[in-house]
């Protein structure tokens, strides 16, 4: 009898440094429910201080491979993933805020 070895392939998930606080997660889930959405879409846009991340609500489509942070699916291209490494989405005074540890902008 021939011997064979089973090969196991492990999908390694990227380790994202981006954070979503638990309070922001709850707020986002409420926004998803009231806007027929199920994910965030992150894109890089030009701002007064260079490029910055912008977020919008989205709907996952077949074949999408979101990054999940604290249970929240986020669609990002490579440029957005790079920018997202220093981002925290939190709630301050009842509103979602995007905090960027790397931002030096004050405009």
PDB file of N, CA and C in Angstrom:
ATOM      1  N   UNK A   1       0.822  -1.179   0.000  1.00  0.00           N
ATOM      2  CA  UNK A   1       0.000   0.000   0.000  1.00  0.00           C
ATOM      3  C   UNK A   1       0.873   1.253   0.000  1.00  0.00           C
ATOM      4  N   UNK A   2       0.428   2.200  -0.773  1.00  0.00           N
ATOM      5  CA  UNK A   2       1.171   3.443  -0.849  1.00  0.00           C
ATOM      6  C   UNK A   2       0.856   4.364   0.317  1.00  0.00           C
ATOM      7  N   UNK A   3       1.856   5.059   0.712  1.00  0.00           N
ATOM      8  CA  UNK A   3       1.647   6.035   1.784  1.00  0.00           C
ATOM      9  C   UNK A   3       1.367   7.393   1.155  1.00  0.00           C
ATOM     10  N   UNK A   4       0.578   8.161   1.803  1.00  0.00           N
ATOM     11  CA  UNK A   4       0.344   9.525   1.353  1.00  0.00           C
ATOM     12  C   UNK A   4       0.229  10.430   2.566  1.00  0.00           C
ATOM     13  N   UNK A   5       0.522  11.646   2.333  1.00  0.00           N
ATOM     14  CA  UNK A   5       0.406  12.637   3.395  1.00  0.00           C
ATOM     15  C   UNK A   5      -0.687  13.620   3.042  1.00  0.00           C
ATOM     16  N   UNK A   6      -1.448  13.942   4.009  1.00  0.00           N
ATOM     17  CA  UNK A   6      -2.445  14.985   3.802  1.00  0.00           C
ATOM     18  C   UNK A   6      -1.745  16.325   3.924  1.00  0.00           C
ATOM     19  N   UNK A   7      -2.094  17.200   3.044  1.00  0.00           N
ATOM     20  CA  UNK A   7      -1.548  18.553   3.122  1.00  0.00           C
ATOM     21  C   UNK A   7      -2.637  19.478   3.620  1.00  0.00           C
ATOM     22  N   UNK A   8      -2.278  20.281   4.551  1.00  0.00           N
ATOM     23  CA  UNK A   8      -3.222  21.226   5.116  1.00  0.00           C
ATOM     24  C   UNK A   8      -2.745  22.632   4.772  1.00  0.00           C
ATOM     25  N   UNK A   9      -3.636  23.381   4.253  1.00  0.00           N
ATOM     26  CA  UNK A   9      -3.315  24.766   3.923  1.00  0.00           C
ATOM     27  C   UNK A   9      -4.013  25.657   4.941  1.00  0.00           C
ATOM     28  N   UNK A  10      -3.263  26.522   5.502  1.00  0.00           N
ATOM     29  CA  UNK A  10      -3.796  27.424   6.509  1.00  0.00           C
ATOM     30  C   UNK A  10      -3.821  28.820   5.916  1.00  0.00           C
ATOM     31  N   UNK A  11      -4.985  29.425   5.946  1.00  0.00           N
ATOM     32  CA  UNK A  11      -5.098  30.807   5.485  1.00  0.00           C
ATOM     33  C   UNK A  11      -4.653  31.709   6.628  1.00  0.00           C
ATOM     34  N   UNK A  12      -3.607  32.424   6.395  1.00  0.00           N
ATOM     35  CA  UNK A  12      -3.079  33.326   7.418  1.00  0.00           C
ATOM     36  C   UNK A  12      -3.737  34.680   7.246  1.00  0.00           C
ATOM     37  N   UNK A  13      -4.410  35.127   8.286  1.00  0.00           N
ATOM     38  CA  UNK A  13      -5.058  36.432   8.225  1.00  0.00           C
ATOM     39  C   UNK A  13      -4.043  37.513   8.531  1.00  0.00           C
ATOM     40  N   UNK A  14      -4.218  38.613   7.848  1.00  0.00           N
ATOM     41  CA  UNK A  14      -3.358  39.752   8.123  1.00  0.00           C
ATOM     42  C   UNK A  14      -3.634  40.268   9.524  1.00  0.00           C
ATOM     43  N   UNK A  15      -2.605  40.711  10.160  1.00  0.00           N
ATOM     44  CA  UNK A  15      -2.770  41.309  11.471  1.00  0.00           C
ATOM     45  C   UNK A  15      -2.885  42.810  11.256  1.00  0.00           C
ATOM     46  N   UNK A  16      -4.063  43.316  11.518  1.00  0.00           N
ATOM     47  CA  UNK A  16      -4.304  44.744  11.352  1.00  0.00           C
ATOM     48  C   UNK A  16      -4.146  45.429  12.707  1.00  0.00           C
ATOM     49  N   UNK A  17      -3.552  46.579  12.684  1.00  0.00           N
ATOM     50  CA  UNK A  17      -3.407  47.368  13.901  1.00  0.00           C
ATOM     51  C   UNK A  17      -4.601  48.294  14.097  1.00  0.00           C
ATOM     52  N   UNK A  18      -5.423  48.443  13.057  1.00  0.00           N
ATOM     53  CA  UNK A  18      -6.613  49.283  13.167  1.00  0.00           C
ATOM     54  C   UNK A  18      -7.490  48.755  14.298  1.00  0.00           C
ATOM     55  N   UNK A  19      -8.146  49.683  15.003  1.00  0.00           N
ATOM     56  CA  UNK A  19      -8.998  49.299  16.119  1.00  0.00           C
ATOM     57  C   UNK A  19     -10.394  49.897  15.939  1.00  0.00           C
ATOM     58  N   UNK A  20     -11.377  49.157  16.404  1.00  0.00           N
ATOM     59  CA  UNK A  20     -12.749  49.660  16.518  1.00  0.00           C
ATOM     60  C   UNK A  20     -13.165  49.373  17.947  1.00  0.00           C
ATOM     61  N   UNK A  21     -13.479  50.422  18.699  1.00  0.00           N
ATOM     62  CA  UNK A  21     -13.872  50.219  20.094  1.00  0.00           C
ATOM     63  C   UNK A  21     -15.211  49.497  20.152  1.00  0.00           C
ATOM     64  N   UNK A  22     -15.503  48.891  21.298  1.00  0.00           N
ATOM     65  CA  UNK A  22     -16.776  48.182  21.455  1.00  0.00           C
ATOM     66  C   UNK A  22     -17.961  49.130  21.297  1.00  0.00           C
ATOM     67  N   UNK A  23     -17.829  50.346  21.817  1.00  0.00           N
ATOM     68  CA  UNK A  23     -18.907  51.330  21.684  1.00  0.00           C
ATOM     69  C   UNK A  23     -19.109  51.715  20.209  1.00  0.00           C
ATOM     70  N   UNK A  24     -18.014  51.871  19.473  1.00  0.00           N
ATOM     71  CA  UNK A  24     -18.117  52.177  18.045  1.00  0.00           C
ATOM     72  C   UNK A  24     -18.714  51.000  17.284  1.00  0.00           C
ATOM     73  N   UNK A  25     -18.368  49.795  17.681  1.00  0.00           N
ATOM     74  CA  UNK A  25     -18.938  48.596  17.048  1.00  0.00           C
ATOM     75  C   UNK A  25     -20.459  48.609  17.171  1.00  0.00           C
ATOM     76  N   UNK A  26     -20.962  48.897  18.365  1.00  0.00           N
ATOM     77  CA  UNK A  26     -22.414  48.956  18.586  1.00  0.00           C
ATOM     78  C   UNK A  26     -23.049  50.030  17.712  1.00  0.00           C
ATOM     79  N   UNK A  27     -22.436  51.197  17.655  1.00  0.00           N
ATOM     80  CA  UNK A  27     -22.952  52.296  16.834  1.00  0.00           C
ATOM     81  C   UNK A  27     -22.952  51.914  15.358  1.00  0.00           C
ATOM     82  N   UNK A  28     -21.889  51.270  14.895  1.00  0.00           N
ATOM     83  CA  UNK A  28     -21.810  50.840  13.491  1.00  0.00           C
ATOM     84  C   UNK A  28     -22.869  49.783  13.179  1.00  0.00           C
ATOM     85  N   UNK A  29     -23.066  48.840  14.078  1.00  0.00           N
ATOM     86  CA  UNK A  29     -24.085  47.807  13.854  1.00  0.00           C
ATOM     87  C   UNK A  29     -25.477  48.428  13.762  1.00  0.00           C
ATOM     88  N   UNK A  30     -25.743  49.446  14.565  1.00  0.00           N
ATOM     89  CA  UNK A  30     -27.025  50.161  14.485  1.00  0.00           C
ATOM     90  C   UNK A  30     -27.142  50.881  13.140  1.00  0.00           C
ATOM     91  N   UNK A  31     -26.060  51.488  12.688  1.00  0.00           N
ATOM     92  CA  UNK A  31     -26.063  52.177  11.387  1.00  0.00           C
ATOM     93  C   UNK A  31     -26.278  51.182  10.251  1.00  0.00           C
ATOM     94  N   UNK A  32     -25.646  50.008  10.332  1.00  0.00           N
ATOM     95  CA  UNK A  32     -25.851  48.975   9.311  1.00  0.00           C
ATOM     96  C   UNK A  32     -27.336  48.609   9.234  1.00  0.00           C
ATOM     97  N   UNK A  33     -27.932  48.363  10.399  1.00  0.00           N
ATOM     98  CA  UNK A  33     -29.337  47.925  10.446  1.00  0.00           C
ATOM     99  C   UNK A  33     -30.285  48.980   9.875  1.00  0.00           C
ATOM    100  N   UNK A  34     -30.027  50.236  10.153  1.00  0.00           N
ATOM    101  CA  UNK A  34     -30.950  51.284   9.699  1.00  0.00           C
ATOM    102  C   UNK A  34     -30.660  51.771   8.281  1.00  0.00           C
ATOM    103  N   UNK A  35     -29.561  51.310   7.670  1.00  0.00           N
ATOM    104  CA  UNK A  35     -29.205  51.761   6.326  1.00  0.00           C
ATOM    105  C   UNK A  35     -29.030  50.616   5.329  1.00  0.00           C
ATOM    106  N   UNK A  36     -29.579  49.435   5.660  1.00  0.00           N
ATOM    107  CA  UNK A  36     -29.493  48.272   4.779  1.00  0.00           C
ATOM    108  C   UNK A  36     -28.046  48.028   4.329  1.00  0.00           C
ATOM    109  N   UNK A  37     -27.124  48.080   5.276  1.00  0.00           N
ATOM    110  CA  UNK A  37     -25.697  47.891   5.013  1.00  0.00           C
ATOM    111  C   UNK A  37     -25.184  46.763   5.892  1.00  0.00           C
ATOM    112  N   UNK A  38     -24.005  46.250   5.534  1.00  0.00           N
ATOM    113  CA  UNK A  38     -23.424  45.207   6.372  1.00  0.00           C
ATOM    114  C   UNK A  38     -21.907  45.303   6.471  1.00  0.00           C
ATOM    115  N   UNK A  39     -21.339  46.408   5.992  1.00  0.00           N
ATOM    116  CA  UNK A  39     -19.886  46.568   6.084  1.00  0.00           C
ATOM    117  C   UNK A  39     -19.521  48.043   5.956  1.00  0.00           C
ATOM    118  N   UNK A  40     -18.255  48.314   6.271  1.00  0.00           N
ATOM    119  CA  UNK A  40     -17.669  49.623   5.987  1.00  0.00           C
ATOM    120  C   UNK A  40     -16.821  49.488   4.736  1.00  0.00           C
ATOM    121  N   UNK A  41     -16.756  50.552   3.964  1.00  0.00           N
ATOM    122  CA  UNK A  41     -15.835  50.625   2.836  1.00  0.00           C
ATOM    123  C   UNK A  41     -14.835  51.725   3.171  1.00  0.00           C
ATOM    124  N   UNK A  42     -13.562  51.396   3.081  1.00  0.00           N
ATOM    125  CA  UNK A  42     -12.511  52.367   3.365  1.00  0.00           C
ATOM    126  C   UNK A  42     -11.790  52.702   2.072  1.00  0.00           C
ATOM    127  N   UNK A  43     -11.561  53.994   1.860  1.00  0.00           N
ATOM    128  CA  UNK A  43     -10.831  54.412   0.675  1.00  0.00           C
ATOM    129  C   UNK A  43      -9.899  55.556   1.035  1.00  0.00           C
ATOM    130  N   UNK A  44      -8.822  55.674   0.292  1.00  0.00           N
ATOM    131  CA  UNK A  44      -7.867  56.749   0.508  1.00  0.00           C
ATOM    132  C   UNK A  44      -8.290  57.940  -0.343  1.00  0.00           C
ATOM    133  N   UNK A  45      -8.393  59.102   0.299  1.00  0.00           N
ATOM    134  CA  UNK A  45      -8.746  60.338  -0.403  1.00  0.00           C
ATOM    135  C   UNK A  45      -7.706  61.398  -0.068  1.00  0.00           C
ATOM    136  N   UNK A  46      -7.572  62.355  -0.960  1.00  0.00           N
ATOM    137  CA  UNK A  46      -6.658  63.466  -0.707  1.00  0.00           C
ATOM    138  C   UNK A  46      -7.319  64.455   0.249  1.00  0.00           C
ATOM    139  N   UNK A  47      -6.525  64.956   1.172  1.00  0.00           N
ATOM    140  CA  UNK A  47      -7.014  65.956   2.114  1.00  0.00           C
ATOM    141  C   UNK A  47      -6.017  67.117   2.142  1.00  0.00           C
ATOM    142  N   UNK A  48      -6.272  68.077   2.990  1.00  0.00           N
ATOM    143  CA  UNK A  48      -5.380  69.229   3.088  1.00  0.00           C
ATOM    144  C   UNK A  48      -3.978  68.844   3.563  1.00  0.00           C
ATOM    145  N   UNK A  49      -3.857  67.683   4.187  1.00  0.00           N
ATOM    146  CA  UNK A  49      -2.569  67.234   4.726  1.00  0.00           C
ATOM    147  C   UNK A  49      -2.032  66.013   3.995  1.00  0.00           C
ATOM    148  N   UNK A  50      -2.402  65.847   2.755  1.00  0.00           N
ATOM    149  CA  UNK A  50      -1.968  64.660   1.999  1.00  0.00           C
ATOM    150  C   UNK A  50      -3.118  63.695   1.831  1.00  0.00           C
ATOM    151  N   UNK A  51      -2.862  62.430   2.056  1.00  0.00           N
ATOM    152  CA  UNK A  51      -3.937  61.449   1.899  1.00  0.00           C
ATOM    153  C   UNK A  51      -4.482  61.043   3.264  1.00  0.00           C
ATOM    154  N   UNK A  52      -5.762  60.702   3.283  1.00  0.00           N
ATOM    155  CA  UNK A  52      -6.437  60.308   4.516  1.00  0.00           C
ATOM    156  C   UNK A  52      -7.462  59.233   4.188  1.00  0.00           C
ATOM    157  N   UNK A  53      -7.851  58.482   5.193  1.00  0.00           N
ATOM    158  CA  UNK A  53      -8.867  57.453   5.003  1.00  0.00           C
ATOM    159  C   UNK A  53     -10.255  58.060   5.124  1.00  0.00           C
ATOM    160  N   UNK A  54     -11.134  57.622   4.249  1.00  0.00           N
ATOM    161  CA  UNK A  54     -12.545  57.994   4.324  1.00  0.00           C
ATOM    162  C   UNK A  54     -13.341  56.699   4.380  1.00  0.00           C
ATOM    163  N   UNK A  55     -14.419  56.700   5.136  1.00  0.00           N
ATOM    164  CA  UNK A  55     -15.251  55.511   5.303  1.00  0.00           C
ATOM    165  C   UNK A  55     -16.666  55.785   4.839  1.00  0.00           C
ATOM    166  N   UNK A  56     -17.304  54.749   4.309  1.00  0.00           N
ATOM    167  CA  UNK A  56     -18.725  54.827   3.974  1.00  0.00           C
ATOM    168  C   UNK A  56     -19.359  53.478   4.297  1.00  0.00           C
ATOM    169  N   UNK A  57     -20.678  53.473   4.423  1.00  0.00           N
ATOM    170  CA  UNK A  57     -21.393  52.217   4.634  1.00  0.00           C
ATOM    171  C   UNK A  57     -21.516  51.498   3.307  1.00  0.00           C
ATOM    172  N   UNK A  58     -21.464  50.186   3.343  1.00  0.00           N
ATOM    173  CA  UNK A  58     -21.553  49.418   2.109  1.00  0.00           C
ATOM    174  C   UNK A  58     -22.314  48.123   2.306  1.00  0.00           C
ATOM    175  N   UNK A  59     -22.447  47.410   1.222  1.00  0.00           N
ATOM    176  CA  UNK A  59     -23.131  46.114   1.209  1.00  0.00           C
ATOM    177  C   UNK A  59     -22.166  45.107   0.589  1.00  0.00           C
ATOM    178  N   UNK A  60     -21.882  44.032   1.315  1.00  0.00           N
ATOM    179  CA  UNK A  60     -21.000  43.002   0.791  1.00  0.00           C
ATOM    180  C   UNK A  60     -21.632  42.308  -0.396  1.00  0.00           C
ATOM    181  N   UNK A  61     -20.809  42.009  -1.382  1.00  0.00           N
ATOM    182  CA  UNK A  61     -21.262  41.282  -2.563  1.00  0.00           C
ATOM    183  C   UNK A  61     -20.515  39.960  -2.637  1.00  0.00           C
ATOM    184  N   UNK A  62     -21.046  39.028  -3.393  1.00  0.00           N
ATOM    185  CA  UNK A  62     -20.410  37.732  -3.545  1.00  0.00           C
ATOM    186  C   UNK A  62     -18.981  37.914  -4.042  1.00  0.00           C
ATOM    187  N   UNK A  63     -18.046  37.231  -3.409  1.00  0.00           N
ATOM    188  CA  UNK A  63     -16.650  37.331  -3.793  1.00  0.00           C
ATOM    189  C   UNK A  63     -15.857  38.361  -3.013  1.00  0.00           C
ATOM    190  N   UNK A  64     -16.531  39.266  -2.290  1.00  0.00           N
ATOM    191  CA  UNK A  64     -15.827  40.251  -1.474  1.00  0.00           C
ATOM    192  C   UNK A  64     -15.083  39.530  -0.344  1.00  0.00           C
ATOM    193  N   UNK A  65     -13.913  40.018  -0.020  1.00  0.00           N
ATOM    194  CA  UNK A  65     -13.123  39.456   1.070  1.00  0.00           C
ATOM    195  C   UNK A  65     -12.764  40.562   2.042  1.00  0.00           C
ATOM    196  N   UNK A  66     -13.686  40.874   2.944  1.00  0.00           N
ATOM    197  CA  UNK A  66     -13.424  41.976   3.872  1.00  0.00           C
ATOM    198  C   UNK A  66     -12.422  41.585   4.954  1.00  0.00           C
ATOM    199  N   UNK A  67     -11.789  42.595   5.502  1.00  0.00           N
ATOM    200  CA  UNK A  67     -10.991  42.452   6.714  1.00  0.00           C
ATOM    201  C   UNK A  67     -11.958  42.680   7.861  1.00  0.00           C
ATOM    202  N   UNK A  68     -11.913  41.850   8.878  1.00  0.00           N
ATOM    203  CA  UNK A  68     -12.828  41.994  10.005  1.00  0.00           C
ATOM    204  C   UNK A  68     -12.075  42.504  11.217  1.00  0.00           C
ATOM    205  N   UNK A  69     -12.571  43.603  11.769  1.00  0.00           N
ATOM    206  CA  UNK A  69     -11.958  44.203  12.951  1.00  0.00           C
ATOM    207  C   UNK A  69     -13.038  44.335  14.021  1.00  0.00           C
ATOM    208  N   UNK A  70     -12.838  43.677  15.127  1.00  0.00           N
ATOM    209  CA  UNK A  70     -13.808  43.657  16.233  1.00  0.00           C
ATOM    210  C   UNK A  70     -15.210  43.289  15.729  1.00  0.00           C
ATOM    211  N   UNK A  71     -15.275  42.348  14.812  1.00  0.00           N
ATOM    212  CA  UNK A  71     -16.552  41.869  14.302  1.00  0.00           C
ATOM    213  C   UNK A  71     -17.157  42.716  13.203  1.00  0.00           C
ATOM    214  N   UNK A  72     -16.505  43.792  12.812  1.00  0.00           N
ATOM    215  CA  UNK A  72     -17.010  44.682  11.761  1.00  0.00           C
ATOM    216  C   UNK A  72     -16.256  44.396  10.461  1.00  0.00           C
ATOM    217  N   UNK A  73     -16.982  43.981   9.397  1.00  0.00           N
ATOM    218  CA  UNK A  73     -16.310  43.755   8.112  1.00  0.00           C
ATOM    219  C   UNK A  73     -15.998  45.079   7.421  1.00  0.00           C
ATOM    220  N   UNK A  74     -14.767  45.178   6.884  1.00  0.00           N
ATOM    221  CA  UNK A  74     -14.334  46.394   6.208  1.00  0.00           C
ATOM    222  C   UNK A  74     -13.694  46.015   4.880  1.00  0.00           C
ATOM    223  N   UNK A  75     -14.189  46.609   3.806  1.00  0.00           N
ATOM    224  CA  UNK A  75     -13.603  46.413   2.485  1.00  0.00           C
ATOM    225  C   UNK A  75     -12.529  47.466   2.281  1.00  0.00           C
ATOM    226  N   UNK A  76     -11.294  47.010   1.994  1.00  0.00           N
ATOM    227  CA  UNK A  76     -10.167  47.925   1.819  1.00  0.00           C
ATOM    228  C   UNK A  76      -9.243  47.397   0.734  1.00  0.00           C
ATOM    229  N   UNK A  77      -8.717  48.310  -0.072  1.00  0.00           N
ATOM    230  CA  UNK A  77      -7.654  47.904  -0.986  1.00  0.00           C
ATOM    231  C   UNK A  77      -6.329  48.028  -0.217  1.00  0.00           C
ATOM    232  N   UNK A  78      -5.221  47.686  -0.869  1.00  0.00           N
ATOM    233  CA  UNK A  78      -3.921  47.690  -0.185  1.00  0.00           C
ATOM    234  C   UNK A  78      -3.528  49.065   0.338  1.00  0.00           C
ATOM    235  N   UNK A  79      -3.824  50.114  -0.424  1.00  0.00           N
ATOM    236  CA  UNK A  79      -3.477  51.474   0.018  1.00  0.00           C
ATOM    237  C   UNK A  79      -4.258  51.839   1.276  1.00  0.00           C
ATOM    238  N   UNK A  80      -5.530  51.465   1.334  1.00  0.00           N
ATOM    239  CA  UNK A  80      -6.352  51.748   2.511  1.00  0.00           C
ATOM    240  C   UNK A  80      -5.869  50.933   3.708  1.00  0.00           C
ATOM    241  N   UNK A  81      -5.479  49.679   3.477  1.00  0.00           N
ATOM    242  CA  UNK A  81      -4.972  48.852   4.576  1.00  0.00           C
ATOM    243  C   UNK A  81      -3.727  49.469   5.194  1.00  0.00           C
ATOM    244  N   UNK A  82      -2.863  50.013   4.353  1.00  0.00           N
ATOM    245  CA  UNK A  82      -1.646  50.637   4.856  1.00  0.00           C
ATOM    246  C   UNK A  82      -1.983  51.857   5.710  1.00  0.00           C
ATOM    247  N   UNK A  83      -2.892  52.694   5.240  1.00  0.00           N
ATOM    248  CA  UNK A  83      -3.306  53.890   5.989  1.00  0.00           C
ATOM    249  C   UNK A  83      -4.039  53.526   7.274  1.00  0.00           C
ATOM    250  N   UNK A  84      -4.757  52.397   7.269  1.00  0.00           N
ATOM    251  CA  UNK A  84      -5.602  52.011   8.402  1.00  0.00           C
ATOM    252  C   UNK A  84      -4.815  51.540   9.612  1.00  0.00           C
ATOM    253  N   UNK A  85      -3.536  51.274   9.451  1.00  0.00           N
ATOM    254  CA  UNK A  85      -2.760  50.709  10.547  1.00  0.00           C
ATOM    255  C   UNK A  85      -2.710  51.582  11.789  1.00  0.00           C
ATOM    256  N   UNK A  86      -2.891  52.889  11.648  1.00  0.00           N
ATOM    257  CA  UNK A  86      -2.816  53.794  12.799  1.00  0.00           C
ATOM    258  C   UNK A  86      -4.178  54.367  13.187  1.00  0.00           C
ATOM    259  N   UNK A  87      -5.251  53.787  12.650  1.00  0.00           N
ATOM    260  CA  UNK A  87      -6.603  54.320  12.851  1.00  0.00           C
ATOM    261  C   UNK A  87      -7.330  53.607  13.988  1.00  0.00           C
ATOM    262  N   UNK A  88      -8.054  54.379  14.770  1.00  0.00           N
ATOM    263  CA  UNK A  88      -9.006  53.849  15.743  1.00  0.00           C
ATOM    264  C   UNK A  88     -10.345  54.518  15.475  1.00  0.00           C
ATOM    265  N   UNK A  89     -11.394  53.710  15.338  1.00  0.00           N
ATOM    266  CA  UNK A  89     -12.753  54.249  15.229  1.00  0.00           C
ATOM    267  C   UNK A  89     -13.364  54.131  16.618  1.00  0.00           C
ATOM    268  N   UNK A  90     -13.799  55.269  17.143  1.00  0.00           N
ATOM    269  CA  UNK A  90     -14.314  55.336  18.508  1.00  0.00           C
ATOM    270  C   UNK A  90     -15.578  56.194  18.527  1.00  0.00           C
ATOM    271  N   UNK A  91     -16.138  56.359  19.708  1.00  0.00           N
ATOM    272  CA  UNK A  91     -17.296  57.239  19.898  1.00  0.00           C
ATOM    273  C   UNK A  91     -16.909  58.308  20.909  1.00  0.00           C
ATOM    274  N   UNK A  92     -17.156  59.557  20.538  1.00  0.00           N
ATOM    275  CA  UNK A  92     -16.955  60.678  21.447  1.00  0.00           C
ATOM    276  C   UNK A  92     -18.195  61.549  21.392  1.00  0.00           C
ATOM    277  N   UNK A  93     -18.735  61.880  22.544  1.00  0.00           N
ATOM    278  CA  UNK A  93     -19.937  62.715  22.629  1.00  0.00           C
ATOM    279  C   UNK A  93     -21.077  62.150  21.785  1.00  0.00           C
ATOM    280  N   UNK A  94     -21.192  60.815  21.747  1.00  0.00           N
ATOM    281  CA  UNK A  94     -22.288  60.165  21.036  1.00  0.00           C
ATOM    282  C   UNK A  94     -22.108  60.049  19.534  1.00  0.00           C
ATOM    283  N   UNK A  95     -20.948  60.457  18.997  1.00  0.00           N
ATOM    284  CA  UNK A  95     -20.721  60.401  17.551  1.00  0.00           C
ATOM    285  C   UNK A  95     -19.475  59.595  17.235  1.00  0.00           C
ATOM    286  N   UNK A  96     -19.504  58.905  16.079  1.00  0.00           N
ATOM    287  CA  UNK A  96     -18.331  58.170  15.627  1.00  0.00           C
ATOM    288  C   UNK A  96     -17.220  59.147  15.259  1.00  0.00           C
ATOM    289  N   UNK A  97     -16.009  58.831  15.661  1.00  0.00           N
ATOM    290  CA  UNK A  97     -14.846  59.638  15.303  1.00  0.00           C
ATOM    291  C   UNK A  97     -13.742  58.709  14.812  1.00  0.00           C
ATOM    292  N   UNK A  98     -12.922  59.224  13.924  1.00  0.00           N
ATOM    293  CA  UNK A  98     -11.770  58.488  13.418  1.00  0.00           C
ATOM    294  C   UNK A  98     -10.531  59.155  13.992  1.00  0.00           C
ATOM    295  N   UNK A  99      -9.806  58.413  14.805  1.00  0.00           N
ATOM    296  CA  UNK A  99      -8.588  58.924  15.417  1.00  0.00           C
ATOM    297  C   UNK A  99      -7.401  58.310  14.674  1.00  0.00           C
ATOM    298  N   UNK A 100      -6.476  59.151  14.246  1.00  0.00           N
ATOM    299  CA  UNK A 100      -5.307  58.684  13.522  1.00  0.00           C
ATOM    300  C   UNK A 100      -4.065  59.043  14.320  1.00  0.00           C
ATOM    301  N   UNK A 101      -3.402  58.031  14.860  1.00  0.00           N
ATOM    302  CA  UNK A 101      -2.203  58.254  15.665  1.00  0.00           C
ATOM    303  C   UNK A 101      -1.074  58.896  14.853  1.00  0.00           C
ATOM    304  N   UNK A 102      -1.072  58.687  13.545  1.00  0.00           N
ATOM    305  CA  UNK A 102       0.014  59.193  12.710  1.00  0.00           C
ATOM    306  C   UNK A 102      -0.253  60.593  12.166  1.00  0.00           C
ATOM    307  N   UNK A 103      -1.449  61.105  12.355  1.00  0.00           N
ATOM    308  CA  UNK A 103      -1.798  62.394  11.760  1.00  0.00           C
ATOM    309  C   UNK A 103      -1.060  63.545  12.439  1.00  0.00           C
ATOM    310  N   UNK A 104      -0.497  64.395  11.617  1.00  0.00           N
ATOM    311  CA  UNK A 104       0.177  65.600  12.089  1.00  0.00           C
ATOM    312  C   UNK A 104      -0.599  66.843  11.655  1.00  0.00           C
ATOM    313  N   UNK A 105      -1.737  66.615  11.043  1.00  0.00           N
ATOM    314  CA  UNK A 105      -2.521  67.689  10.437  1.00  0.00           C
ATOM    315  C   UNK A 105      -3.319  68.453  11.493  1.00  0.00           C
ATOM    316  N   UNK A 106      -3.426  69.752  11.307  1.00  0.00           N
ATOM    317  CA  UNK A 106      -4.235  70.550  12.227  1.00  0.00           C
ATOM    318  C   UNK A 106      -5.136  71.521  11.455  1.00  0.00           C
ATOM    319  N   UNK A 107      -5.442  71.183  10.202  1.00  0.00           N
ATOM    320  CA  UNK A 107      -6.268  72.101   9.411  1.00  0.00           C
ATOM    321  C   UNK A 107      -7.747  71.863   9.617  1.00  0.00           C
TER     322      UNK A 107
END
